[in-house]
């Protein structure tokens, strides 16, 4: 892996800004982890293609240029194992949402928690944001625990907040203010 600039967040774990040539690796990671990701992420579908992932990366690269989003791919050594992003960046009100997912073989290793902490630091210090939000499916216990471990405060359950094409899902909403981040 020779992508630049990268950010090492823990030994062997690096956050890498997206490049268009990463679509195949992203596609493979999603396909290999479909049954792990699909129950909680409405945008993960069985018919996803490399072209879909290429379009997604292009969109996120444009959002970076427009200052409305930031995507980082999570690498463990040379393997793409997940993504983390800031989306809905609102520079006027200095807030954004954080989203993340990680391959099943890398869960329970503090990688996601460490990446979310790093993303909070990046959002508060580099982008001068003041408020971050995480929306976690109520059934996704590990994702809810990540928000709590990082220091986010539970605010509410947003009932029937996300439609996955078949049913509405309830989402727990967590917030973290810059003044409460340590």
N, C-alpha and C. Protein backbone atom coordinates (compact mmCIF):
# COMPACT_ATOMS: atom_id res chain seq x y z
N UNK A 1 0.86 -1.18 0.00
CA UNK A 1 0.00 0.00 0.00
C UNK A 1 0.90 1.23 0.00
N UNK A 2 0.70 2.10 -0.95
CA UNK A 2 1.54 3.28 -1.07
C UNK A 2 0.73 4.54 -1.27
N UNK A 3 -0.42 4.63 -0.62
CA UNK A 3 -1.29 5.78 -0.77
C UNK A 3 -0.81 6.91 0.14
N UNK A 4 -0.98 8.14 -0.31
CA UNK A 4 -0.61 9.30 0.48
C UNK A 4 -1.68 10.35 0.35
N UNK A 5 -1.90 11.20 1.32
CA UNK A 5 -1.40 11.08 2.68
C UNK A 5 -2.25 10.09 3.47
N UNK A 6 -1.60 9.38 4.35
CA UNK A 6 -2.31 8.43 5.20
C UNK A 6 -2.15 8.85 6.65
N UNK A 7 -3.00 8.28 7.50
CA UNK A 7 -2.95 8.60 8.92
C UNK A 7 -2.95 7.30 9.71
N UNK A 8 -1.84 7.02 10.35
CA UNK A 8 -1.77 5.81 11.17
C UNK A 8 -2.47 6.09 12.50
N UNK A 9 -3.48 5.29 12.82
CA UNK A 9 -4.26 5.51 14.04
C UNK A 9 -3.91 4.52 15.14
N UNK A 10 -3.29 3.40 14.77
CA UNK A 10 -2.79 2.43 15.73
C UNK A 10 -1.85 1.51 14.95
N UNK A 11 -1.04 0.71 15.63
CA UNK A 11 -0.13 -0.16 14.88
C UNK A 11 -0.88 -0.98 13.83
N UNK A 12 -0.40 -0.93 12.61
CA UNK A 12 -0.92 -1.68 11.47
C UNK A 12 -2.24 -1.14 10.92
N UNK A 13 -2.85 -0.14 11.56
CA UNK A 13 -4.14 0.39 11.11
C UNK A 13 -3.95 1.82 10.61
N UNK A 14 -4.37 2.03 9.36
CA UNK A 14 -4.17 3.32 8.70
C UNK A 14 -5.48 3.78 8.06
N UNK A 15 -5.74 5.08 8.15
CA UNK A 15 -6.85 5.69 7.44
C UNK A 15 -6.30 6.31 6.16
N UNK A 16 -6.94 5.97 5.05
CA UNK A 16 -6.45 6.38 3.74
C UNK A 16 -7.56 7.12 3.00
N UNK A 17 -7.29 8.33 2.50
CA UNK A 17 -8.30 9.02 1.68
C UNK A 17 -8.60 8.20 0.43
N UNK A 18 -9.82 8.30 -0.08
CA UNK A 18 -10.19 7.46 -1.23
C UNK A 18 -9.51 7.90 -2.52
N UNK A 19 -9.23 6.90 -3.34
CA UNK A 19 -8.77 7.10 -4.71
C UNK A 19 -9.64 6.21 -5.58
N UNK A 20 -9.86 6.62 -6.81
CA UNK A 20 -10.78 5.88 -7.68
C UNK A 20 -10.34 4.44 -7.91
N UNK A 21 -9.04 4.17 -7.82
CA UNK A 21 -8.56 2.81 -8.06
C UNK A 21 -8.82 1.86 -6.88
N UNK A 22 -9.48 2.31 -5.84
CA UNK A 22 -9.78 1.48 -4.67
C UNK A 22 -11.14 0.80 -4.77
N UNK A 23 -11.88 1.02 -5.84
CA UNK A 23 -13.25 0.51 -5.95
C UNK A 23 -13.30 -1.01 -5.89
N UNK A 24 -12.40 -1.69 -6.55
CA UNK A 24 -12.41 -3.16 -6.55
C UNK A 24 -12.19 -3.71 -5.14
N UNK A 25 -11.22 -3.17 -4.42
CA UNK A 25 -10.96 -3.64 -3.05
C UNK A 25 -12.15 -3.36 -2.14
N UNK A 26 -12.77 -2.20 -2.30
CA UNK A 26 -13.94 -1.86 -1.49
C UNK A 26 -15.09 -2.82 -1.80
N UNK A 27 -15.31 -3.08 -3.08
CA UNK A 27 -16.35 -4.02 -3.50
C UNK A 27 -16.11 -5.40 -2.89
N UNK A 28 -14.88 -5.90 -2.98
CA UNK A 28 -14.56 -7.23 -2.45
C UNK A 28 -14.80 -7.30 -0.94
N UNK A 29 -14.40 -6.28 -0.22
CA UNK A 29 -14.59 -6.27 1.23
C UNK A 29 -16.08 -6.27 1.58
N UNK A 30 -16.87 -5.50 0.86
CA UNK A 30 -18.31 -5.48 1.10
C UNK A 30 -18.93 -6.83 0.78
N UNK A 31 -18.57 -7.42 -0.36
CA UNK A 31 -19.14 -8.72 -0.74
C UNK A 31 -18.77 -9.80 0.27
N UNK A 32 -17.52 -9.81 0.72
CA UNK A 32 -17.07 -10.81 1.68
C UNK A 32 -17.74 -10.65 3.04
N UNK A 33 -18.23 -9.47 3.34
CA UNK A 33 -18.82 -9.18 4.65
C UNK A 33 -20.31 -8.83 4.55
N UNK A 34 -20.93 -9.21 3.44
CA UNK A 34 -22.32 -8.83 3.20
C UNK A 34 -23.24 -9.23 4.35
N UNK A 35 -23.17 -10.48 4.78
CA UNK A 35 -24.10 -10.94 5.83
C UNK A 35 -23.85 -10.24 7.16
N UNK A 36 -22.65 -9.77 7.38
CA UNK A 36 -22.30 -9.03 8.60
C UNK A 36 -22.80 -7.58 8.52
N UNK A 37 -22.73 -6.97 7.35
CA UNK A 37 -23.05 -5.55 7.19
C UNK A 37 -24.51 -5.27 6.88
N UNK A 38 -25.12 -6.10 6.06
CA UNK A 38 -26.45 -5.84 5.52
C UNK A 38 -27.54 -5.62 6.57
N UNK A 39 -27.52 -6.34 7.70
CA UNK A 39 -28.61 -6.11 8.66
C UNK A 39 -28.66 -4.68 9.22
N UNK A 40 -27.56 -3.95 9.15
CA UNK A 40 -27.51 -2.64 9.81
C UNK A 40 -27.28 -1.46 8.87
N UNK A 41 -26.90 -1.71 7.64
CA UNK A 41 -26.57 -0.63 6.71
C UNK A 41 -27.48 -0.72 5.49
N UNK A 42 -28.42 0.21 5.40
CA UNK A 42 -29.43 0.15 4.35
C UNK A 42 -28.84 0.31 2.95
N UNK A 43 -27.65 0.86 2.84
CA UNK A 43 -27.05 1.06 1.52
C UNK A 43 -26.27 -0.16 1.03
N UNK A 44 -26.15 -1.19 1.85
CA UNK A 44 -25.48 -2.43 1.44
C UNK A 44 -26.53 -3.35 0.82
N UNK A 45 -26.38 -3.64 -0.47
CA UNK A 45 -27.34 -4.50 -1.16
C UNK A 45 -26.60 -5.63 -1.87
N UNK A 46 -27.32 -6.72 -2.11
CA UNK A 46 -26.70 -7.88 -2.76
C UNK A 46 -26.25 -7.59 -4.18
N UNK A 47 -26.89 -6.65 -4.83
CA UNK A 47 -26.57 -6.39 -6.23
C UNK A 47 -25.53 -5.28 -6.42
N UNK A 48 -24.81 -4.94 -5.37
CA UNK A 48 -23.77 -3.92 -5.48
C UNK A 48 -22.71 -4.38 -6.49
N UNK A 49 -22.17 -3.42 -7.23
CA UNK A 49 -21.16 -3.73 -8.25
C UNK A 49 -19.90 -2.90 -8.01
N UNK A 50 -18.84 -3.27 -8.70
CA UNK A 50 -17.61 -2.47 -8.65
C UNK A 50 -17.90 -1.07 -9.16
N UNK A 51 -18.75 -0.95 -10.17
CA UNK A 51 -19.11 0.36 -10.72
C UNK A 51 -19.83 1.21 -9.67
N UNK A 52 -20.68 0.56 -8.86
CA UNK A 52 -21.36 1.29 -7.77
C UNK A 52 -20.33 1.85 -6.80
N UNK A 53 -19.36 1.04 -6.45
CA UNK A 53 -18.33 1.48 -5.50
C UNK A 53 -17.45 2.55 -6.12
N UNK A 54 -17.18 2.44 -7.40
CA UNK A 54 -16.42 3.48 -8.10
C UNK A 54 -17.18 4.80 -8.08
N UNK A 55 -18.48 4.75 -8.34
CA UNK A 55 -19.31 5.96 -8.30
C UNK A 55 -19.35 6.54 -6.88
N UNK A 56 -19.42 5.67 -5.88
CA UNK A 56 -19.41 6.13 -4.49
C UNK A 56 -18.10 6.84 -4.17
N UNK A 57 -16.98 6.24 -4.55
CA UNK A 57 -15.69 6.88 -4.27
C UNK A 57 -15.59 8.22 -4.99
N UNK A 58 -16.05 8.29 -6.23
CA UNK A 58 -16.04 9.55 -6.98
C UNK A 58 -16.87 10.60 -6.26
N UNK A 59 -18.06 10.19 -5.77
CA UNK A 59 -18.93 11.11 -5.04
C UNK A 59 -18.24 11.62 -3.77
N UNK A 60 -17.59 10.72 -3.04
CA UNK A 60 -16.95 11.12 -1.79
C UNK A 60 -15.72 12.00 -2.05
N UNK A 61 -15.00 11.74 -3.12
CA UNK A 61 -13.88 12.61 -3.49
C UNK A 61 -14.41 14.01 -3.80
N UNK A 62 -15.54 14.09 -4.49
CA UNK A 62 -16.16 15.39 -4.79
C UNK A 62 -16.64 16.07 -3.51
N UNK A 63 -17.24 15.29 -2.59
CA UNK A 63 -17.69 15.87 -1.32
C UNK A 63 -16.51 16.44 -0.54
N UNK A 64 -15.37 15.78 -0.61
CA UNK A 64 -14.17 16.32 0.05
C UNK A 64 -13.84 17.68 -0.56
N UNK A 65 -13.85 17.76 -1.89
CA UNK A 65 -13.55 19.02 -2.57
C UNK A 65 -14.57 20.11 -2.21
N UNK A 66 -15.82 19.71 -2.03
CA UNK A 66 -16.90 20.65 -1.70
C UNK A 66 -17.00 20.94 -0.20
N UNK A 67 -16.19 20.25 0.60
CA UNK A 67 -16.20 20.37 2.06
C UNK A 67 -17.55 19.97 2.67
N UNK A 68 -18.19 18.97 2.08
CA UNK A 68 -19.46 18.45 2.63
C UNK A 68 -19.32 17.03 3.14
N UNK A 69 -18.17 16.41 2.92
CA UNK A 69 -17.94 15.05 3.39
C UNK A 69 -16.47 14.71 3.39
N UNK A 70 -16.11 13.72 4.20
CA UNK A 70 -14.74 13.20 4.25
C UNK A 70 -14.84 11.69 4.43
N UNK A 71 -14.26 10.95 3.51
CA UNK A 71 -14.23 9.49 3.61
C UNK A 71 -12.79 9.04 3.80
N UNK A 72 -12.62 8.07 4.67
CA UNK A 72 -11.33 7.40 4.82
C UNK A 72 -11.57 5.90 4.79
N UNK A 73 -10.73 5.20 4.06
CA UNK A 73 -10.79 3.75 4.05
C UNK A 73 -9.87 3.25 5.14
N UNK A 74 -10.33 2.25 5.86
CA UNK A 74 -9.57 1.69 6.97
C UNK A 74 -8.78 0.50 6.44
N UNK A 75 -7.47 0.58 6.58
CA UNK A 75 -6.59 -0.51 6.16
C UNK A 75 -5.93 -1.12 7.38
N UNK A 76 -5.86 -2.46 7.38
CA UNK A 76 -5.04 -3.20 8.34
C UNK A 76 -3.90 -3.76 7.50
N UNK A 77 -2.70 -3.25 7.74
CA UNK A 77 -1.57 -3.52 6.86
C UNK A 77 -1.99 -3.15 5.44
N UNK A 78 -2.03 -4.11 4.51
CA UNK A 78 -2.40 -3.80 3.13
C UNK A 78 -3.83 -4.20 2.78
N UNK A 79 -4.61 -4.60 3.77
CA UNK A 79 -5.98 -5.06 3.53
C UNK A 79 -7.00 -3.99 3.88
N UNK A 80 -7.89 -3.69 2.94
CA UNK A 80 -8.98 -2.76 3.21
C UNK A 80 -10.00 -3.50 4.08
N UNK A 81 -10.28 -2.94 5.27
CA UNK A 81 -11.16 -3.65 6.21
C UNK A 81 -12.41 -2.86 6.59
N UNK A 82 -12.56 -1.64 6.07
CA UNK A 82 -13.76 -0.88 6.40
C UNK A 82 -13.64 0.55 5.95
N UNK A 83 -14.63 1.35 6.35
CA UNK A 83 -14.60 2.77 6.05
C UNK A 83 -15.09 3.57 7.26
N UNK A 84 -14.70 4.81 7.29
CA UNK A 84 -15.22 5.76 8.27
C UNK A 84 -15.35 7.10 7.55
N UNK A 85 -16.40 7.82 7.86
CA UNK A 85 -16.58 9.08 7.15
C UNK A 85 -17.28 10.11 8.02
N UNK A 86 -17.08 11.34 7.60
CA UNK A 86 -17.89 12.46 8.07
C UNK A 86 -18.81 12.80 6.92
N UNK A 87 -20.10 12.88 7.17
CA UNK A 87 -21.05 13.26 6.14
C UNK A 87 -22.00 14.31 6.70
N UNK A 88 -22.73 14.91 5.79
CA UNK A 88 -23.61 16.03 6.17
C UNK A 88 -22.82 17.11 6.91
N UNK A 89 -21.60 17.37 6.44
CA UNK A 89 -20.81 18.44 7.06
C UNK A 89 -21.51 19.76 6.81
N UNK A 90 -21.77 20.47 7.88
CA UNK A 90 -22.44 21.77 7.85
C UNK A 90 -21.44 22.77 8.42
N UNK A 91 -20.71 23.47 7.54
CA UNK A 91 -19.66 24.37 8.01
C UNK A 91 -20.23 25.60 8.71
N UNK A 92 -21.42 26.03 8.32
CA UNK A 92 -22.03 27.19 8.97
C UNK A 92 -22.32 26.90 10.44
N UNK A 93 -22.92 25.75 10.69
CA UNK A 93 -23.27 25.38 12.07
C UNK A 93 -22.22 24.48 12.72
N UNK A 94 -21.14 24.21 11.98
CA UNK A 94 -19.97 23.47 12.48
C UNK A 94 -20.35 22.12 13.08
N UNK A 95 -21.05 21.32 12.27
CA UNK A 95 -21.45 20.00 12.73
C UNK A 95 -21.41 19.01 11.58
N UNK A 96 -21.42 17.71 11.93
CA UNK A 96 -21.41 16.64 10.93
C UNK A 96 -21.86 15.35 11.60
N UNK A 97 -22.09 14.34 10.77
CA UNK A 97 -22.39 12.99 11.25
C UNK A 97 -21.20 12.10 10.93
N UNK A 98 -20.99 11.10 11.78
CA UNK A 98 -19.95 10.10 11.55
C UNK A 98 -20.62 8.77 11.21
N UNK A 99 -20.10 8.11 10.18
CA UNK A 99 -20.55 6.77 9.84
C UNK A 99 -19.34 5.85 9.73
N UNK A 100 -19.55 4.57 9.99
CA UNK A 100 -18.43 3.63 9.94
C UNK A 100 -18.94 2.21 9.80
N UNK A 101 -18.09 1.37 9.26
CA UNK A 101 -18.31 -0.07 9.26
C UNK A 101 -16.95 -0.75 9.16
N UNK A 102 -16.91 -1.99 9.64
CA UNK A 102 -15.65 -2.73 9.62
C UNK A 102 -15.93 -4.19 9.30
N UNK A 103 -14.99 -4.83 8.64
CA UNK A 103 -15.11 -6.24 8.28
C UNK A 103 -15.24 -7.09 9.56
N UNK A 104 -16.00 -8.15 9.44
CA UNK A 104 -16.32 -8.98 10.60
C UNK A 104 -15.09 -9.52 11.33
N UNK A 105 -14.06 -9.92 10.59
CA UNK A 105 -12.86 -10.48 11.22
C UNK A 105 -12.10 -9.47 12.07
N UNK A 106 -12.42 -8.19 11.94
CA UNK A 106 -11.70 -7.15 12.67
C UNK A 106 -12.54 -6.51 13.78
N UNK A 107 -13.72 -7.05 14.03
CA UNK A 107 -14.54 -6.54 15.12
C UNK A 107 -13.96 -6.99 16.46
N UNK A 108 -14.27 -6.25 17.51
CA UNK A 108 -13.82 -6.62 18.85
C UNK A 108 -12.35 -6.40 19.11
N UNK A 109 -11.67 -5.66 18.27
CA UNK A 109 -10.23 -5.42 18.41
C UNK A 109 -9.92 -3.95 18.70
N UNK A 110 -10.94 -3.16 19.02
CA UNK A 110 -10.80 -1.73 19.31
C UNK A 110 -10.44 -0.89 18.10
N UNK A 111 -10.44 -1.48 16.91
CA UNK A 111 -10.10 -0.73 15.70
C UNK A 111 -11.14 0.34 15.42
N UNK A 112 -12.41 -0.04 15.46
CA UNK A 112 -13.47 0.93 15.16
C UNK A 112 -13.47 2.05 16.18
N UNK A 113 -13.38 1.71 17.46
CA UNK A 113 -13.36 2.73 18.51
C UNK A 113 -12.20 3.70 18.31
N UNK A 114 -11.03 3.17 18.01
CA UNK A 114 -9.85 4.01 17.80
C UNK A 114 -10.03 4.91 16.58
N UNK A 115 -10.59 4.36 15.50
CA UNK A 115 -10.82 5.17 14.30
C UNK A 115 -11.85 6.27 14.55
N UNK A 116 -12.90 5.96 15.31
CA UNK A 116 -13.91 6.99 15.62
C UNK A 116 -13.28 8.09 16.48
N UNK A 117 -12.46 7.72 17.46
CA UNK A 117 -11.77 8.73 18.27
C UNK A 117 -10.91 9.62 17.38
N UNK A 118 -10.19 9.00 16.47
CA UNK A 118 -9.34 9.76 15.57
C UNK A 118 -10.17 10.71 14.71
N UNK A 119 -11.30 10.20 14.21
CA UNK A 119 -12.16 11.03 13.36
C UNK A 119 -12.73 12.21 14.14
N UNK A 120 -13.05 12.00 15.41
CA UNK A 120 -13.53 13.11 16.25
C UNK A 120 -12.44 14.17 16.39
N UNK A 121 -11.23 13.72 16.68
CA UNK A 121 -10.10 14.65 16.79
C UNK A 121 -9.92 15.42 15.48
N UNK A 122 -9.94 14.72 14.38
CA UNK A 122 -9.81 15.34 13.06
C UNK A 122 -10.92 16.37 12.84
N UNK A 123 -12.16 16.00 13.14
CA UNK A 123 -13.30 16.90 12.93
C UNK A 123 -13.20 18.15 13.79
N UNK A 124 -12.84 17.97 15.06
CA UNK A 124 -12.78 19.10 15.98
C UNK A 124 -11.55 19.98 15.74
N UNK A 125 -10.41 19.36 15.52
CA UNK A 125 -9.17 20.13 15.42
C UNK A 125 -8.85 20.60 14.01
N UNK A 126 -9.02 19.75 13.02
CA UNK A 126 -8.66 20.11 11.65
C UNK A 126 -9.78 20.87 10.95
N UNK A 127 -11.01 20.40 11.14
CA UNK A 127 -12.15 21.03 10.45
C UNK A 127 -12.87 22.07 11.30
N UNK A 128 -12.46 22.22 12.56
CA UNK A 128 -13.06 23.18 13.49
C UNK A 128 -14.56 22.99 13.68
N UNK A 129 -14.99 21.72 13.66
CA UNK A 129 -16.40 21.45 13.94
C UNK A 129 -16.64 21.50 15.44
N UNK A 130 -17.89 21.67 15.83
CA UNK A 130 -18.25 21.76 17.25
C UNK A 130 -19.11 20.59 17.72
N UNK A 131 -19.84 19.96 16.79
CA UNK A 131 -20.79 18.91 17.19
C UNK A 131 -20.75 17.77 16.19
N UNK A 132 -20.69 16.54 16.72
CA UNK A 132 -20.73 15.34 15.89
C UNK A 132 -21.90 14.47 16.33
N UNK A 133 -22.51 13.81 15.37
CA UNK A 133 -23.64 12.92 15.63
C UNK A 133 -23.33 11.54 15.06
N UNK A 134 -23.71 10.51 15.81
CA UNK A 134 -23.69 9.14 15.32
C UNK A 134 -25.11 8.61 15.39
N UNK A 135 -25.58 8.03 14.29
CA UNK A 135 -26.85 7.32 14.27
C UNK A 135 -26.53 5.83 14.18
N UNK A 136 -26.97 5.06 15.18
CA UNK A 136 -26.68 3.63 15.23
C UNK A 136 -27.98 2.85 15.31
N UNK A 137 -28.13 1.87 14.44
CA UNK A 137 -29.30 1.00 14.47
C UNK A 137 -29.44 0.43 15.89
N UNK A 138 -30.64 0.47 16.44
CA UNK A 138 -30.84 0.01 17.82
C UNK A 138 -30.42 -1.44 17.99
N UNK A 139 -30.48 -2.24 16.92
CA UNK A 139 -30.11 -3.65 17.01
C UNK A 139 -28.61 -3.87 16.91
N UNK A 140 -27.87 -2.85 16.51
CA UNK A 140 -26.43 -2.98 16.32
C UNK A 140 -25.72 -2.61 17.62
N UNK A 141 -25.71 -3.55 18.54
CA UNK A 141 -25.13 -3.32 19.87
C UNK A 141 -23.67 -2.87 19.79
N UNK A 142 -22.81 -3.52 18.98
CA UNK A 142 -21.41 -3.06 18.92
C UNK A 142 -21.27 -1.60 18.48
N UNK A 143 -22.07 -1.16 17.51
CA UNK A 143 -21.98 0.23 17.05
C UNK A 143 -22.42 1.20 18.14
N UNK A 144 -23.46 0.84 18.88
CA UNK A 144 -23.89 1.67 20.00
C UNK A 144 -22.80 1.75 21.06
N UNK A 145 -22.13 0.63 21.31
CA UNK A 145 -21.05 0.61 22.32
C UNK A 145 -19.88 1.48 21.89
N UNK A 146 -19.57 1.49 20.60
CA UNK A 146 -18.49 2.35 20.10
C UNK A 146 -18.80 3.80 20.43
N UNK A 147 -20.01 4.24 20.11
CA UNK A 147 -20.39 5.64 20.39
C UNK A 147 -20.21 5.96 21.87
N UNK A 148 -20.66 5.06 22.73
CA UNK A 148 -20.56 5.29 24.17
C UNK A 148 -19.11 5.29 24.65
N UNK A 149 -18.29 4.35 24.14
CA UNK A 149 -16.88 4.27 24.56
C UNK A 149 -16.10 5.53 24.19
N UNK A 150 -16.45 6.11 23.04
CA UNK A 150 -15.75 7.31 22.59
C UNK A 150 -16.17 8.54 23.39
N UNK A 151 -17.33 8.48 24.04
CA UNK A 151 -17.78 9.60 24.86
C UNK A 151 -19.01 10.31 24.33
N UNK A 152 -19.62 9.76 23.29
CA UNK A 152 -20.86 10.34 22.78
C UNK A 152 -21.97 10.13 23.81
N UNK A 153 -22.89 11.07 23.88
CA UNK A 153 -24.04 10.98 24.78
C UNK A 153 -25.26 10.54 24.00
N UNK A 154 -25.98 9.57 24.55
CA UNK A 154 -27.24 9.13 23.95
C UNK A 154 -28.24 10.26 24.09
N UNK A 155 -28.92 10.61 22.99
CA UNK A 155 -29.89 11.70 23.01
C UNK A 155 -31.31 11.17 22.88
N UNK A 156 -31.52 10.26 21.94
CA UNK A 156 -32.89 9.79 21.69
C UNK A 156 -32.86 8.57 20.77
N UNK A 157 -33.96 7.86 20.76
CA UNK A 157 -34.20 6.85 19.75
C UNK A 157 -35.14 7.46 18.72
N UNK A 158 -34.69 7.51 17.49
CA UNK A 158 -35.51 8.03 16.39
C UNK A 158 -36.24 6.84 15.78
N UNK A 159 -37.52 6.72 16.10
CA UNK A 159 -38.31 5.57 15.67
C UNK A 159 -38.60 5.63 14.18
N UNK A 160 -38.52 4.46 13.55
CA UNK A 160 -38.78 4.32 12.12
C UNK A 160 -38.06 5.40 11.31
N UNK A 161 -36.79 5.56 11.59
CA UNK A 161 -36.00 6.66 11.03
C UNK A 161 -35.38 6.34 9.68
N UNK A 162 -35.06 5.07 9.43
CA UNK A 162 -34.39 4.68 8.19
C UNK A 162 -35.19 3.57 7.53
N UNK A 163 -35.50 3.75 6.26
CA UNK A 163 -36.21 2.71 5.50
C UNK A 163 -35.19 1.95 4.68
N UNK A 164 -35.12 0.64 4.87
CA UNK A 164 -34.11 -0.16 4.18
C UNK A 164 -34.63 -0.81 2.89
N UNK A 165 -35.80 -0.39 2.45
CA UNK A 165 -36.40 -0.98 1.26
C UNK A 165 -37.49 -1.98 1.59
N UNK A 166 -37.48 -2.45 2.84
CA UNK A 166 -38.49 -3.40 3.29
C UNK A 166 -39.18 -2.95 4.57
N UNK A 167 -38.41 -2.52 5.52
CA UNK A 167 -38.97 -2.10 6.81
C UNK A 167 -38.28 -0.82 7.28
N UNK A 168 -38.95 -0.12 8.19
CA UNK A 168 -38.33 1.03 8.84
C UNK A 168 -37.51 0.56 10.03
N UNK A 169 -36.37 1.19 10.22
CA UNK A 169 -35.48 0.83 11.32
C UNK A 169 -35.42 1.97 12.33
N UNK A 170 -35.35 1.61 13.60
CA UNK A 170 -35.17 2.58 14.67
C UNK A 170 -33.67 2.85 14.83
N UNK A 171 -33.34 4.11 15.05
CA UNK A 171 -31.93 4.50 15.18
C UNK A 171 -31.72 5.23 16.50
N UNK A 172 -30.64 4.87 17.20
CA UNK A 172 -30.23 5.62 18.38
C UNK A 172 -29.36 6.77 17.92
N UNK A 173 -29.64 7.95 18.46
CA UNK A 173 -28.88 9.15 18.11
C UNK A 173 -27.98 9.53 19.27
N UNK A 174 -26.70 9.69 18.96
CA UNK A 174 -25.68 10.09 19.94
C UNK A 174 -25.04 11.39 19.46
N UNK A 175 -24.67 12.25 20.41
CA UNK A 175 -23.94 13.47 20.04
C UNK A 175 -22.70 13.61 20.90
N UNK A 176 -21.73 14.32 20.35
CA UNK A 176 -20.52 14.67 21.07
C UNK A 176 -20.18 16.11 20.72
N UNK A 177 -20.04 16.94 21.74
CA UNK A 177 -19.62 18.33 21.55
C UNK A 177 -18.12 18.42 21.73
N UNK A 178 -17.50 19.34 21.02
CA UNK A 178 -16.05 19.52 21.10
C UNK A 178 -15.60 19.71 22.55
N UNK A 179 -16.35 20.48 23.32
CA UNK A 179 -15.95 20.76 24.71
C UNK A 179 -15.97 19.52 25.60
N UNK A 180 -16.64 18.45 25.16
CA UNK A 180 -16.70 17.22 25.96
C UNK A 180 -15.77 16.13 25.46
N UNK A 181 -15.03 16.41 24.39
CA UNK A 181 -14.13 15.40 23.81
C UNK A 181 -12.78 15.46 24.50
N UNK A 182 -12.30 14.30 24.90
CA UNK A 182 -10.95 14.22 25.47
C UNK A 182 -10.28 12.95 25.05
